[in-house]
Amino acid sequence: MAWFAIIIAGICEVIGVLNLKRLAEKKWDALVILIVTFGFSLTLLGFAMRTLSMATVYGVWTGIGTVGSTVMGMIIYGEPREWKRILFITMILSSAVGLKLIS
């Protein structure tokens, strides 16, 4: 259940980051979505820390957020899809999977 909470928390973080971008474009409904998704994300993060180590939970959560927001930036906002970015994203994803395997 804790791992499921981390994944949902990471997805909420990505949604929050996407709305942060929208808020920068002065779309004010994004502020409400940002507050709700970040609040939900942090709540689930705290829930996961009850049973898993803080380092693992935080590492996986930030990994999901970083990878998810980078990929969504490439898809939605047309950000660069250079091989170096994809290589480092793969390394972050591999690290998150590694943390899951050793915990």
Foldseek 3Di string as FASTA:
>chain_A
DLVVLLLLLLVLLLLLVVLVVVVVVVPVVSVVSNVVSNVSSVVSLVVSVVPDPNVLSVLLSVLSNVLSNVVCCCVPVVPDPDPVVVVVNVVSVVVNVVSVVVD
